Amino acid sequence: MKYGYHLVLVTKYRKKWGVELLEFNGEADHVHLLLDMHPNIMPSKFINNLKTVTSRLMRKEFAKHLAHFYWKPVLWTRAYCLLTTGGATIDTIRQYIEKQERPD
C-alpha cells in the first residue's frame, strides 16, 4: 500500500522566482508537489533531503540572481506543510494543484 501526500514548500523570504516550473505548480513564493511515496520512506527525511538538494542546486545555478534576494545560503524555510490525500482522490488534489497560479 502506498500513501499519497500533498507537499507545500515556501521559499525563505517568500520572493518570486525566475524559474519555469514544469512538473509541479505553485504561486510566486511557494510550490505544490503531489507525491506518491512508499510507506517505508519517512516523509520528514525525504522532505529535508529534497529541500537541501534543490536549494543547493538552485543556488548554484541561479547564484547571481538569487544573491539579490537571499543573503544567506538558504532557499527554503524550515517549515513545510504536508497533507495526506486520504479523503480526496488523486485527481481532486491534482486539479487543485493545477489551478494554483504559475510562478512569475
C-alpha atoms as a PDB file:
ATOM      1  CA  MET A   1       0.000   0.000   0.000  1.00  0.00           C
ATOM      2  CA  LYS A   2       1.274   3.482  -0.875  1.00  0.00           C
ATOM      3  CA  TYR A   3       0.369   6.808   0.730  1.00  0.00           C
ATOM      4  CA  GLY A   4      -0.369   9.982  -1.230  1.00  0.00           C
ATOM      5  CA  TYR A   5       0.888  13.338   0.042  1.00  0.00           C
ATOM      6  CA  HIS A   6       0.373  16.974  -0.903  1.00  0.00           C
ATOM      7  CA  LEU A   7       3.543  18.936  -0.058  1.00  0.00           C
ATOM      8  CA  VAL A   8       3.803  22.744   0.087  1.00  0.00           C
ATOM      9  CA  LEU A   9       7.270  24.332   0.344  1.00  0.00           C
ATOM     10  CA  VAL A  10       7.785  28.039   0.952  1.00  0.00           C
ATOM     11  CA  THR A  11      10.904  29.979  -0.043  1.00  0.00           C
ATOM     12  CA  LYS A  12      12.842  31.526   2.861  1.00  0.00           C
ATOM     13  CA  TYR A  13      11.978  35.184   2.189  1.00  0.00           C
ATOM     14  CA  ARG A  14       8.908  34.487   0.040  1.00  0.00           C
ATOM     15  CA  LYS A  15      10.456  36.087  -3.053  1.00  0.00           C
ATOM     16  CA  LYS A  16       9.295  35.371  -6.581  1.00  0.00           C
ATOM     17  CA  TRP A  17      11.359  33.003  -8.683  1.00  0.00           C
ATOM     18  CA  GLY A  18      12.628  33.485 -12.177  1.00  0.00           C
ATOM     19  CA  VAL A  19      12.114  29.791 -12.914  1.00  0.00           C
ATOM     20  CA  GLU A  20       9.513  27.984 -15.004  1.00  0.00           C
ATOM     21  CA  LEU A  21       8.086  25.059 -13.089  1.00  0.00           C
ATOM     22  CA  LEU A  22       7.191  22.171 -15.377  1.00  0.00           C
ATOM     23  CA  GLU A  23       6.221  19.191 -13.250  1.00  0.00           C
ATOM     24  CA  PHE A  24       4.535  20.806 -10.294  1.00  0.00           C
ATOM     25  CA  ASN A  25       2.752  24.067  -9.638  1.00  0.00           C
ATOM     26  CA  GLY A  26       2.590  26.867  -7.143  1.00  0.00           C
ATOM     27  CA  GLU A  27       2.460  30.573  -6.648  1.00  0.00           C
ATOM     28  CA  ALA A  28       5.097  33.296  -6.748  1.00  0.00           C
ATOM     29  CA  ASP A  29       6.529  32.383  -3.343  1.00  0.00           C
ATOM     30  CA  HIS A  30       5.804  28.668  -2.865  1.00  0.00           C
ATOM     31  CA  VAL A  31       5.377  25.407  -4.754  1.00  0.00           C
ATOM     32  CA  HIS A  32       2.979  22.469  -4.576  1.00  0.00           C
ATOM     33  CA  LEU A  33       4.013  18.876  -5.234  1.00  0.00           C
ATOM     34  CA  LEU A  34       1.868  15.812  -5.466  1.00  0.00           C
ATOM     35  CA  LEU A  35       3.870  12.788  -4.307  1.00  0.00           C
ATOM     36  CA  ASP A  36       3.269   9.094  -4.277  1.00  0.00           C
ATOM     37  CA  MET A  37       5.507   7.773  -1.506  1.00  0.00           C
ATOM     38  CA  HIS A  38       6.278   4.244  -0.384  1.00  0.00           C
ATOM     39  CA  PRO A  39       5.350   3.751   3.318  1.00  0.00           C
ATOM     40  CA  ASN A  40       8.956   2.767   4.151  1.00  0.00           C
ATOM     41  CA  ILE A  41      10.085   6.309   3.385  1.00  0.00           C
ATOM     42  CA  MET A  42       9.990   8.754   6.277  1.00  0.00           C
ATOM     43  CA  PRO A  43       8.318  11.884   4.835  1.00  0.00           C
ATOM     44  CA  SER A  44      10.278  14.253   7.102  1.00  0.00           C
ATOM     45  CA  LYS A  45      13.653  12.842   5.993  1.00  0.00           C
ATOM     46  CA  PHE A  46      12.600  12.835   2.347  1.00  0.00           C
ATOM     47  CA  ILE A  47      11.391  16.447   2.538  1.00  0.00           C
ATOM     48  CA  ASN A  48      14.528  17.665   4.302  1.00  0.00           C
ATOM     49  CA  ASN A  49      16.686  15.932   1.695  1.00  0.00           C
ATOM     50  CA  LEU A  50      14.567  17.348  -1.124  1.00  0.00           C
ATOM     51  CA  LYS A  51      14.838  20.868   0.300  1.00  0.00           C
ATOM     52  CA  THR A  52      18.608  20.549   0.835  1.00  0.00           C
ATOM     53  CA  VAL A  53      19.313  19.245  -2.652  1.00  0.00           C
ATOM     54  CA  THR A  54      17.002  21.643  -4.514  1.00  0.00           C
ATOM     55  CA  SER A  55      18.295  24.596  -2.509  1.00  0.00           C
ATOM     56  CA  ARG A  56      21.900  23.693  -3.268  1.00  0.00           C
ATOM     57  CA  LEU A  57      21.236  23.128  -6.975  1.00  0.00           C
ATOM     58  CA  MET A  58      19.152  26.257  -7.454  1.00  0.00           C
ATOM     59  CA  ARG A  59      21.559  28.472  -5.509  1.00  0.00           C
ATOM     60  CA  LYS A  60      24.403  27.105  -7.624  1.00  0.00           C
ATOM     61  CA  GLU A  61      22.650  27.508 -10.974  1.00  0.00           C
ATOM     62  CA  PHE A  62      20.991  30.863 -10.216  1.00  0.00           C
ATOM     63  CA  ALA A  63      23.564  32.274  -7.769  1.00  0.00           C
ATOM     64  CA  LYS A  64      23.777  35.739  -9.317  1.00  0.00           C
ATOM     65  CA  HIS A  65      20.011  36.248  -9.467  1.00  0.00           C
ATOM     66  CA  LEU A  66      19.270  34.782  -6.020  1.00  0.00           C
ATOM     67  CA  ALA A  67      22.043  36.807  -4.336  1.00  0.00           C
ATOM     68  CA  HIS A  68      19.786  39.870  -4.622  1.00  0.00           C
ATOM     69  CA  PHE A  69      17.062  38.198  -2.552  1.00  0.00           C
ATOM     70  CA  TYR A  70      18.733  35.551  -0.401  1.00  0.00           C
ATOM     71  CA  TRP A  71      21.676  36.903   1.557  1.00  0.00           C
ATOM     72  CA  LYS A  72      22.077  33.640   3.488  1.00  0.00           C
ATOM     73  CA  PRO A  73      22.795  30.271   1.821  1.00  0.00           C
ATOM     74  CA  VAL A  74      19.209  29.115   2.442  1.00  0.00           C
ATOM     75  CA  LEU A  75      16.346  28.897  -0.039  1.00  0.00           C
ATOM     76  CA  TRP A  76      13.501  27.235   1.868  1.00  0.00           C
ATOM     77  CA  THR A  77      12.055  27.983   5.285  1.00  0.00           C
ATOM     78  CA  ARG A  78      12.487  25.302   7.930  1.00  0.00           C
ATOM     79  CA  ALA A  79       8.724  24.748   7.916  1.00  0.00           C
ATOM     80  CA  TYR A  80       6.614  22.860   5.408  1.00  0.00           C
ATOM     81  CA  CYS A  81       3.026  21.732   5.073  1.00  0.00           C
ATOM     82  CA  LEU A  82       2.453  18.039   4.392  1.00  0.00           C
ATOM     83  CA  LEU A  83      -1.109  16.846   3.966  1.00  0.00           C
ATOM     84  CA  THR A  84      -2.199  13.293   3.336  1.00  0.00           C
ATOM     85  CA  THR A  85      -4.520  12.870   0.414  1.00  0.00           C
ATOM     86  CA  GLY A  86      -6.611  10.355   2.383  1.00  0.00           C
ATOM     87  CA  GLY A  87     -10.184  11.572   1.833  1.00  0.00           C
ATOM     88  CA  ALA A  88      -9.617  13.191  -1.562  1.00  0.00           C
ATOM     89  CA  THR A  89      -8.916  11.432  -4.808  1.00  0.00           C
ATOM     90  CA  ILE A  90      -5.576  11.967  -6.504  1.00  0.00           C
ATOM     91  CA  ASP A  91      -7.474  13.649  -9.362  1.00  0.00           C
ATOM     92  CA  THR A  92      -9.025  16.147  -6.920  1.00  0.00           C
ATOM     93  CA  ILE A  93      -5.623  17.059  -5.473  1.00  0.00           C
ATOM     94  CA  ARG A  94      -4.103  17.223  -8.958  1.00  0.00           C
ATOM     95  CA  GLN A  95      -6.855  19.628 -10.081  1.00  0.00           C
ATOM     96  CA  TYR A  96      -6.247  21.821  -7.014  1.00  0.00           C
ATOM     97  CA  ILE A  97      -2.526  21.989  -7.739  1.00  0.00           C
ATOM     98  CA  GLU A  98      -3.110  22.717 -11.441  1.00  0.00           C
ATOM     99  CA  LYS A  99      -5.333  25.684 -10.511  1.00  0.00           C
ATOM    100  CA  GLN A 100      -2.567  27.361  -8.496  1.00  0.00           C
ATOM    101  CA  GLU A 101      -1.049  30.478 -10.014  1.00  0.00           C
ATOM    102  CA  ARG A 102       2.098  29.756 -12.013  1.00  0.00           C
ATOM    103  CA  PRO A 103       5.236  31.455 -10.622  1.00  0.00           C
ATOM    104  CA  ASP A 104       6.353  34.573 -12.488  1.00  0.00           C
END
